[in-house]
Amino acid sequence: MNVERMMRHNVRACSPWDSLNDAARIMWDDACGCVPVVDASHRPVGFLTDRDICMAAYTQGRPLGGIRVESAMAKKVVSCGIHDDIEHAVQMMRGTYVRRLPVVDAQGVLVGLLSLDDIACESKRSLRGATDHYLAGVVGDVHGTICFARCQRRHGIDPPLVSSAR
Protein backbone atom coordinates (compact mmCIF):
# COMPACT_ATOMS: atom_id res chain seq x y z
CA MET A 1 0.00 0.00 0.00
CA ASN A 2 1.54 3.35 -0.93
CA VAL A 3 1.36 6.84 0.52
CA GLU A 4 -0.66 8.27 -2.39
CA ARG A 5 -3.62 6.10 -1.44
CA MET A 6 -3.90 7.50 2.09
CA MET A 7 -2.56 11.04 1.84
CA ARG A 8 -4.63 14.18 1.66
CA HIS A 9 -4.41 15.72 -1.79
CA ASN A 10 -4.82 19.45 -2.55
CA VAL A 11 -3.15 20.56 0.66
CA ARG A 12 -2.85 24.31 1.07
CA ALA A 13 0.51 25.75 2.07
CA CYS A 14 1.98 29.10 3.05
CA SER A 15 5.34 30.77 2.52
CA PRO A 16 7.91 31.74 5.16
CA TRP A 17 7.14 35.40 4.44
CA ASP A 18 3.40 35.13 5.09
CA SER A 19 2.09 36.35 8.42
CA LEU A 20 0.97 33.95 11.12
CA ASN A 21 -2.47 35.48 10.62
CA ASP A 22 -2.46 34.21 7.01
CA ALA A 23 -1.41 30.73 8.18
CA ALA A 24 -4.06 30.70 10.91
CA ARG A 25 -6.69 31.64 8.31
CA ILE A 26 -5.67 28.62 6.18
CA MET A 27 -5.99 26.37 9.22
CA TRP A 28 -9.39 27.85 10.08
CA ASP A 29 -10.73 27.64 6.52
CA ASP A 30 -9.48 24.06 6.03
CA ALA A 31 -10.32 22.87 9.58
CA CYS A 32 -6.79 21.60 10.15
CA GLY A 33 -4.09 22.12 12.74
CA CYS A 34 -1.05 22.46 10.51
CA VAL A 35 0.19 23.86 7.25
CA PRO A 36 3.32 23.02 5.25
CA VAL A 37 5.58 25.98 4.48
CA VAL A 38 6.93 26.06 0.92
CA ASP A 39 9.36 28.12 -1.13
CA ALA A 40 8.59 29.80 -4.46
CA SER A 41 9.03 26.42 -6.24
CA HIS A 42 6.47 24.82 -3.89
CA ARG A 43 9.11 22.70 -2.14
CA PRO A 44 8.69 22.24 1.63
CA VAL A 45 11.05 24.39 3.71
CA GLY A 46 9.19 24.24 7.03
CA PHE A 47 6.13 23.09 8.87
CA LEU A 48 3.77 25.11 11.07
CA THR A 49 1.22 23.91 13.62
CA ASP A 50 -1.50 25.75 15.50
CA ARG A 51 0.61 25.30 18.64
CA ASP A 52 3.57 26.99 16.91
CA ILE A 53 1.33 29.97 16.17
CA CYS A 54 0.11 30.20 19.76
CA MET A 55 3.61 29.94 21.23
CA ALA A 56 4.98 32.56 18.81
CA ALA A 57 2.20 34.99 19.72
CA TYR A 58 2.85 34.38 23.42
CA THR A 59 6.65 34.59 23.32
CA GLN A 60 6.85 37.50 20.88
CA GLY A 61 3.96 39.46 22.36
CA ARG A 62 2.78 40.78 19.02
CA PRO A 63 -0.38 40.34 16.94
CA LEU A 64 -0.35 37.48 14.44
CA GLY A 65 -0.45 39.90 11.52
CA GLY A 66 2.93 41.27 12.61
CA ILE A 67 4.75 37.95 12.91
CA ARG A 68 6.16 36.08 9.92
CA VAL A 69 5.73 32.34 9.52
CA GLU A 70 9.50 31.80 9.32
CA SER A 71 9.89 32.91 12.95
CA ALA A 72 7.57 30.16 14.25
CA MET A 73 7.86 27.26 11.79
CA ALA A 74 9.82 24.07 12.33
CA LYS A 75 12.73 24.39 9.93
CA LYS A 76 13.66 20.72 9.80
CA VAL A 77 11.30 19.15 7.30
CA VAL A 78 10.71 15.42 7.31
CA SER A 79 8.85 14.33 4.18
CA CYS A 80 8.04 11.20 2.24
CA GLY A 81 7.53 10.48 -1.44
CA ILE A 82 4.19 10.04 -3.11
CA HIS A 83 5.09 6.51 -4.25
CA ASP A 84 6.70 5.41 -0.96
CA ASP A 85 5.27 2.39 0.77
CA ILE A 86 3.16 3.28 3.80
CA GLU A 87 5.53 1.25 6.00
CA HIS A 88 8.40 3.55 4.99
CA ALA A 89 6.34 6.62 5.90
CA VAL A 90 5.35 5.06 9.23
CA GLN A 91 9.00 4.32 10.02
CA MET A 92 9.83 7.96 9.30
CA MET A 93 7.06 9.16 11.62
CA ARG A 94 8.15 6.76 14.35
CA GLY A 95 11.85 7.51 13.93
CA THR A 96 11.54 11.29 13.88
CA TYR A 97 8.60 11.60 16.31
CA VAL A 98 6.22 13.42 13.96
CA ARG A 99 2.49 12.93 13.39
CA ARG A 100 2.39 14.43 9.92
CA LEU A 101 4.55 14.19 6.82
CA PRO A 102 4.49 16.48 3.80
CA VAL A 103 4.36 14.30 0.68
CA VAL A 104 6.55 15.31 -2.27
CA ASP A 105 6.91 14.18 -5.88
CA ALA A 106 10.17 13.13 -7.55
CA GLN A 107 11.19 16.80 -7.92
CA GLY A 108 10.58 17.55 -4.23
CA VAL A 109 7.40 19.54 -4.88
CA LEU A 110 4.63 19.33 -2.27
CA VAL A 111 1.74 17.16 -3.51
CA GLY A 112 -0.01 16.19 -0.29
CA LEU A 113 0.11 15.49 3.42
CA LEU A 114 0.03 12.19 5.30
CA SER A 115 -0.98 12.16 8.96
CA LEU A 116 -1.62 9.57 11.63
CA ASP A 117 -5.27 10.60 11.31
CA ASP A 118 -5.22 9.56 7.64
CA ILE A 119 -3.80 6.15 8.56
CA ALA A 120 -6.37 5.75 11.36
CA CYS A 121 -9.20 6.57 8.93
CA GLU A 122 -7.82 4.06 6.42
CA SER A 123 -7.77 1.39 9.15
CA LYS A 124 -11.56 1.81 9.46
CA ARG A 125 -12.24 1.90 5.71
CA SER A 126 -13.25 -1.53 4.54
CA LEU A 127 -15.65 -3.07 2.08
CA ARG A 128 -17.08 -5.31 4.77
CA GLY A 129 -17.03 -2.98 7.76
CA ALA A 130 -14.05 -4.62 9.46
CA THR A 131 -11.05 -2.82 10.92
CA ASP A 132 -7.59 -3.22 9.43
CA HIS A 133 -5.91 -4.22 12.68
CA TYR A 134 -2.41 -3.84 11.27
CA LEU A 135 -2.99 -0.17 10.42
CA ALA A 136 -4.81 0.43 13.71
CA GLY A 137 -1.83 -1.06 15.53
CA VAL A 138 0.58 1.11 13.55
CA VAL A 139 -1.29 4.24 14.60
CA GLY A 140 -1.17 3.21 18.25
CA ASP A 141 2.51 2.29 18.07
CA VAL A 142 3.62 5.50 16.37
CA HIS A 143 1.49 7.66 18.66
CA GLY A 144 2.87 5.85 21.71
CA THR A 145 6.44 6.32 20.48
CA ILE A 146 5.89 10.05 19.98
CA CYS A 147 4.24 10.47 23.38
CA PHE A 148 7.01 8.51 25.12
CA ALA A 149 9.67 10.67 23.45
CA ARG A 150 7.89 13.83 24.64
CA CYS A 151 7.77 12.47 28.18
CA GLN A 152 11.50 11.75 28.02
CA ARG A 153 12.19 15.31 26.83
CA ARG A 154 10.19 16.73 29.74
CA HIS A 155 12.55 14.84 32.05
CA GLY A 156 15.66 16.07 30.24
CA ILE A 157 16.32 12.93 28.21
CA ASP A 158 16.85 13.33 24.46
CA PRO A 159 15.28 10.37 22.64
CA PRO A 160 17.43 9.02 19.82
CA LEU A 161 16.39 9.59 16.22
CA VAL A 162 15.72 6.20 14.74
CA SER A 163 15.61 6.87 11.01
CA SER A 164 16.91 9.43 8.57
CA ALA A 165 14.72 12.07 6.97
CA ARG A 166 14.52 12.80 3.28
C-alpha atoms as a PDB file:
ATOM      1  CA  MET A   1       0.000   0.000   0.000  1.00  0.00           C
ATOM      2  CA  ASN A   2       1.540   3.351  -0.926  1.00  0.00           C
ATOM      3  CA  VAL A   3       1.356   6.845   0.518  1.00  0.00           C
ATOM      4  CA  GLU A   4      -0.656   8.267  -2.391  1.00  0.00           C
ATOM      5  CA  ARG A   5      -3.624   6.101  -1.443  1.00  0.00           C
ATOM      6  CA  MET A   6      -3.898   7.497   2.086  1.00  0.00           C
ATOM      7  CA  MET A   7      -2.559  11.041   1.841  1.00  0.00           C
ATOM      8  CA  ARG A   8      -4.635  14.178   1.656  1.00  0.00           C
ATOM      9  CA  HIS A   9      -4.415  15.717  -1.789  1.00  0.00           C
ATOM     10  CA  ASN A  10      -4.820  19.446  -2.550  1.00  0.00           C
ATOM     11  CA  VAL A  11      -3.155  20.557   0.664  1.00  0.00           C
ATOM     12  CA  ARG A  12      -2.848  24.308   1.068  1.00  0.00           C
ATOM     13  CA  ALA A  13       0.509  25.748   2.068  1.00  0.00           C
ATOM     14  CA  CYS A  14       1.981  29.095   3.055  1.00  0.00           C
ATOM     15  CA  SER A  15       5.340  30.772   2.515  1.00  0.00           C
ATOM     16  CA  PRO A  16       7.912  31.738   5.161  1.00  0.00           C
ATOM     17  CA  TRP A  17       7.140  35.404   4.438  1.00  0.00           C
ATOM     18  CA  ASP A  18       3.403  35.129   5.095  1.00  0.00           C
ATOM     19  CA  SER A  19       2.090  36.349   8.415  1.00  0.00           C
ATOM     20  CA  LEU A  20       0.967  33.949  11.117  1.00  0.00           C
ATOM     21  CA  ASN A  21      -2.466  35.481  10.624  1.00  0.00           C
ATOM     22  CA  ASP A  22      -2.459  34.208   7.014  1.00  0.00           C
ATOM     23  CA  ALA A  23      -1.413  30.727   8.176  1.00  0.00           C
ATOM     24  CA  ALA A  24      -4.065  30.697  10.912  1.00  0.00           C
ATOM     25  CA  ARG A  25      -6.685  31.641   8.312  1.00  0.00           C
ATOM     26  CA  ILE A  26      -5.672  28.623   6.180  1.00  0.00           C
ATOM     27  CA  MET A  27      -5.995  26.367   9.224  1.00  0.00           C
ATOM     28  CA  TRP A  28      -9.392  27.853  10.080  1.00  0.00           C
ATOM     29  CA  ASP A  29     -10.730  27.636   6.522  1.00  0.00           C
ATOM     30  CA  ASP A  30      -9.478  24.062   6.031  1.00  0.00           C
ATOM     31  CA  ALA A  31     -10.325  22.866   9.579  1.00  0.00           C
ATOM     32  CA  CYS A  32      -6.790  21.599  10.146  1.00  0.00           C
ATOM     33  CA  GLY A  33      -4.087  22.124  12.745  1.00  0.00           C
ATOM     34  CA  CYS A  34      -1.054  22.455  10.511  1.00  0.00           C
ATOM     35  CA  VAL A  35       0.188  23.856   7.247  1.00  0.00           C
ATOM     36  CA  PRO A  36       3.322  23.022   5.253  1.00  0.00           C
ATOM     37  CA  VAL A  37       5.585  25.982   4.479  1.00  0.00           C
ATOM     38  CA  VAL A  38       6.929  26.062   0.922  1.00  0.00           C
ATOM     39  CA  ASP A  39       9.364  28.122  -1.128  1.00  0.00           C
ATOM     40  CA  ALA A  40       8.587  29.795  -4.459  1.00  0.00           C
ATOM     41  CA  SER A  41       9.035  26.424  -6.237  1.00  0.00           C
ATOM     42  CA  HIS A  42       6.466  24.821  -3.887  1.00  0.00           C
ATOM     43  CA  ARG A  43       9.113  22.704  -2.138  1.00  0.00           C
ATOM     44  CA  PRO A  44       8.686  22.245   1.632  1.00  0.00           C
ATOM     45  CA  VAL A  45      11.049  24.393   3.711  1.00  0.00           C
ATOM     46  CA  GLY A  46       9.194  24.239   7.025  1.00  0.00           C
ATOM     47  CA  PHE A  47       6.133  23.090   8.875  1.00  0.00           C
ATOM     48  CA  LEU A  48       3.773  25.113  11.068  1.00  0.00           C
ATOM     49  CA  THR A  49       1.222  23.914  13.617  1.00  0.00           C
ATOM     50  CA  ASP A  50      -1.496  25.750  15.499  1.00  0.00           C
ATOM     51  CA  ARG A  51       0.612  25.297  18.639  1.00  0.00           C
ATOM     52  CA  ASP A  52       3.574  26.985  16.913  1.00  0.00           C
ATOM     53  CA  ILE A  53       1.327  29.968  16.167  1.00  0.00           C
ATOM     54  CA  CYS A  54       0.114  30.200  19.763  1.00  0.00           C
ATOM     55  CA  MET A  55       3.609  29.944  21.227  1.00  0.00           C
ATOM     56  CA  ALA A  56       4.978  32.565  18.809  1.00  0.00           C
ATOM     57  CA  ALA A  57       2.196  34.988  19.724  1.00  0.00           C
ATOM     58  CA  TYR A  58       2.852  34.383  23.422  1.00  0.00           C
ATOM     59  CA  THR A  59       6.654  34.585  23.319  1.00  0.00           C
ATOM     60  CA  GLN A  60       6.853  37.495  20.875  1.00  0.00           C
ATOM     61  CA  GLY A  61       3.962  39.463  22.363  1.00  0.00           C
ATOM     62  CA  ARG A  62       2.779  40.783  19.016  1.00  0.00           C
ATOM     63  CA  PRO A  63      -0.375  40.340  16.938  1.00  0.00           C
ATOM     64  CA  LEU A  64      -0.347  37.475  14.441  1.00  0.00           C
ATOM     65  CA  GLY A  65      -0.453  39.902  11.524  1.00  0.00           C
ATOM     66  CA  GLY A  66       2.933  41.272  12.611  1.00  0.00           C
ATOM     67  CA  ILE A  67       4.754  37.948  12.914  1.00  0.00           C
ATOM     68  CA  ARG A  68       6.159  36.082   9.922  1.00  0.00           C
ATOM     69  CA  VAL A  69       5.728  32.336   9.521  1.00  0.00           C
ATOM     70  CA  GLU A  70       9.505  31.798   9.324  1.00  0.00           C
ATOM     71  CA  SER A  71       9.893  32.906  12.946  1.00  0.00           C
ATOM     72  CA  ALA A  72       7.574  30.163  14.246  1.00  0.00           C
ATOM     73  CA  MET A  73       7.860  27.257  11.794  1.00  0.00           C
ATOM     74  CA  ALA A  74       9.817  24.074  12.332  1.00  0.00           C
ATOM     75  CA  LYS A  75      12.727  24.393   9.934  1.00  0.00           C
ATOM     76  CA  LYS A  76      13.662  20.721   9.797  1.00  0.00           C
ATOM     77  CA  VAL A  77      11.296  19.153   7.304  1.00  0.00           C
ATOM     78  CA  VAL A  78      10.714  15.419   7.308  1.00  0.00           C
ATOM     79  CA  SER A  79       8.853  14.331   4.183  1.00  0.00           C
ATOM     80  CA  CYS A  80       8.038  11.199   2.238  1.00  0.00           C
ATOM     81  CA  GLY A  81       7.530  10.484  -1.438  1.00  0.00           C
ATOM     82  CA  ILE A  82       4.191  10.043  -3.114  1.00  0.00           C
ATOM     83  CA  HIS A  83       5.094   6.508  -4.247  1.00  0.00           C
ATOM     84  CA  ASP A  84       6.697   5.415  -0.961  1.00  0.00           C
ATOM     85  CA  ASP A  85       5.271   2.392   0.770  1.00  0.00           C
ATOM     86  CA  ILE A  86       3.157   3.281   3.802  1.00  0.00           C
ATOM     87  CA  GLU A  87       5.526   1.251   6.005  1.00  0.00           C
ATOM     88  CA  HIS A  88       8.404   3.545   4.991  1.00  0.00           C
ATOM     89  CA  ALA A  89       6.341   6.625   5.896  1.00  0.00           C
ATOM     90  CA  VAL A  90       5.346   5.057   9.225  1.00  0.00           C
ATOM     91  CA  GLN A  91       8.999   4.319  10.015  1.00  0.00           C
ATOM     92  CA  MET A  92       9.827   7.962   9.300  1.00  0.00           C
ATOM     93  CA  MET A  93       7.060   9.156  11.623  1.00  0.00           C
ATOM     94  CA  ARG A  94       8.153   6.758  14.346  1.00  0.00           C
ATOM     95  CA  GLY A  95      11.850   7.514  13.931  1.00  0.00           C
ATOM     96  CA  THR A  96      11.538  11.290  13.881  1.00  0.00           C
ATOM     97  CA  TYR A  97       8.599  11.601  16.311  1.00  0.00           C
ATOM     98  CA  VAL A  98       6.224  13.420  13.958  1.00  0.00           C
ATOM     99  CA  ARG A  99       2.489  12.927  13.395  1.00  0.00           C
ATOM    100  CA  ARG A 100       2.389  14.430   9.920  1.00  0.00           C
ATOM    101  CA  LEU A 101       4.554  14.193   6.817  1.00  0.00           C
ATOM    102  CA  PRO A 102       4.489  16.484   3.800  1.00  0.00           C
ATOM    103  CA  VAL A 103       4.363  14.304   0.679  1.00  0.00           C
ATOM    104  CA  VAL A 104       6.547  15.309  -2.267  1.00  0.00           C
ATOM    105  CA  ASP A 105       6.906  14.178  -5.877  1.00  0.00           C
ATOM    106  CA  ALA A 106      10.174  13.135  -7.551  1.00  0.00           C
ATOM    107  CA  GLN A 107      11.188  16.805  -7.924  1.00  0.00           C
ATOM    108  CA  GLY A 108      10.581  17.553  -4.227  1.00  0.00           C
ATOM    109  CA  VAL A 109       7.396  19.538  -4.879  1.00  0.00           C
ATOM    110  CA  LEU A 110       4.629  19.326  -2.272  1.00  0.00           C
ATOM    111  CA  VAL A 111       1.742  17.165  -3.513  1.00  0.00           C
ATOM    112  CA  GLY A 112      -0.009  16.191  -0.288  1.00  0.00           C
ATOM    113  CA  LEU A 113       0.114  15.488   3.418  1.00  0.00           C
ATOM    114  CA  LEU A 114       0.031  12.192   5.297  1.00  0.00           C
ATOM    115  CA  SER A 115      -0.980  12.162   8.962  1.00  0.00           C
ATOM    116  CA  LEU A 116      -1.618   9.573  11.634  1.00  0.00           C
ATOM    117  CA  ASP A 117      -5.275  10.603  11.313  1.00  0.00           C
ATOM    118  CA  ASP A 118      -5.225   9.558   7.642  1.00  0.00           C
ATOM    119  CA  ILE A 119      -3.796   6.154   8.560  1.00  0.00           C
ATOM    120  CA  ALA A 120      -6.369   5.746  11.360  1.00  0.00           C
ATOM    121  CA  CYS A 121      -9.197   6.572   8.932  1.00  0.00           C
ATOM    122  CA  GLU A 122      -7.819   4.057   6.424  1.00  0.00           C
ATOM    123  CA  SER A 123      -7.771   1.391   9.155  1.00  0.00           C
ATOM    124  CA  LYS A 124     -11.557   1.807   9.456  1.00  0.00           C
ATOM    125  CA  ARG A 125     -12.237   1.898   5.711  1.00  0.00           C
ATOM    126  CA  SER A 126     -13.249  -1.531   4.544  1.00  0.00           C
ATOM    127  CA  LEU A 127     -15.649  -3.066   2.084  1.00  0.00           C
ATOM    128  CA  ARG A 128     -17.085  -5.312   4.765  1.00  0.00           C
ATOM    129  CA  GLY A 129     -17.035  -2.983   7.757  1.00  0.00           C
ATOM    130  CA  ALA A 130     -14.047  -4.623   9.459  1.00  0.00           C
ATOM    131  CA  THR A 131     -11.054  -2.815  10.915  1.00  0.00           C
ATOM    132  CA  ASP A 132      -7.592  -3.221   9.428  1.00  0.00           C
ATOM    133  CA  HIS A 133      -5.913  -4.222  12.682  1.00  0.00           C
ATOM    134  CA  TYR A 134      -2.411  -3.843  11.271  1.00  0.00           C
ATOM    135  CA  LEU A 135      -2.994  -0.167  10.416  1.00  0.00           C
ATOM    136  CA  ALA A 136      -4.811   0.433  13.711  1.00  0.00           C
ATOM    137  CA  GLY A 137      -1.826  -1.063  15.534  1.00  0.00           C
ATOM    138  CA  VAL A 138       0.579   1.107  13.547  1.00  0.00           C
ATOM    139  CA  VAL A 139      -1.293   4.244  14.604  1.00  0.00           C
ATOM    140  CA  GLY A 140      -1.171   3.206  18.250  1.00  0.00           C
ATOM    141  CA  ASP A 141       2.507   2.286  18.068  1.00  0.00           C
ATOM    142  CA  VAL A 142       3.619   5.502  16.369  1.00  0.00           C
ATOM    143  CA  HIS A 143       1.491   7.664  18.656  1.00  0.00           C
ATOM    144  CA  GLY A 144       2.870   5.851  21.707  1.00  0.00           C
ATOM    145  CA  THR A 145       6.438   6.319  20.476  1.00  0.00           C
ATOM    146  CA  ILE A 146       5.887  10.051  19.977  1.00  0.00           C
ATOM    147  CA  CYS A 147       4.244  10.473  23.383  1.00  0.00           C
ATOM    148  CA  PHE A 148       7.005   8.513  25.123  1.00  0.00           C
ATOM    149  CA  ALA A 149       9.670  10.674  23.453  1.00  0.00           C
ATOM    150  CA  ARG A 150       7.895  13.830  24.636  1.00  0.00           C
ATOM    151  CA  CYS A 151       7.769  12.470  28.183  1.00  0.00           C
ATOM    152  CA  GLN A 152      11.497  11.754  28.021  1.00  0.00           C
ATOM    153  CA  ARG A 153      12.190  15.313  26.829  1.00  0.00           C
ATOM    154  CA  ARG A 154      10.189  16.729  29.736  1.00  0.00           C
ATOM    155  CA  HIS A 155      12.548  14.838  32.046  1.00  0.00           C
ATOM    156  CA  GLY A 156      15.656  16.072  30.241  1.00  0.00           C
ATOM    157  CA  ILE A 157      16.316  12.926  28.210  1.00  0.00           C
ATOM    158  CA  ASP A 158      16.845  13.328  24.459  1.00  0.00           C
ATOM    159  CA  PRO A 159      15.280  10.368  22.638  1.00  0.00           C
ATOM    160  CA  PRO A 160      17.432   9.018  19.816  1.00  0.00           C
ATOM    161  CA  LEU A 161      16.395   9.595  16.221  1.00  0.00           C
ATOM    162  CA  VAL A 162      15.719   6.197  14.735  1.00  0.00           C
ATOM    163  CA  SER A 163      15.610   6.872  11.009  1.00  0.00           C
ATOM    164  CA  SER A 164      16.913   9.430   8.571  1.00  0.00           C
ATOM    165  CA  ALA A 165      14.716  12.072   6.973  1.00  0.00           C
ATOM    166  CA  ARG A 166      14.517  12.796   3.278  1.00  0.00           C
END
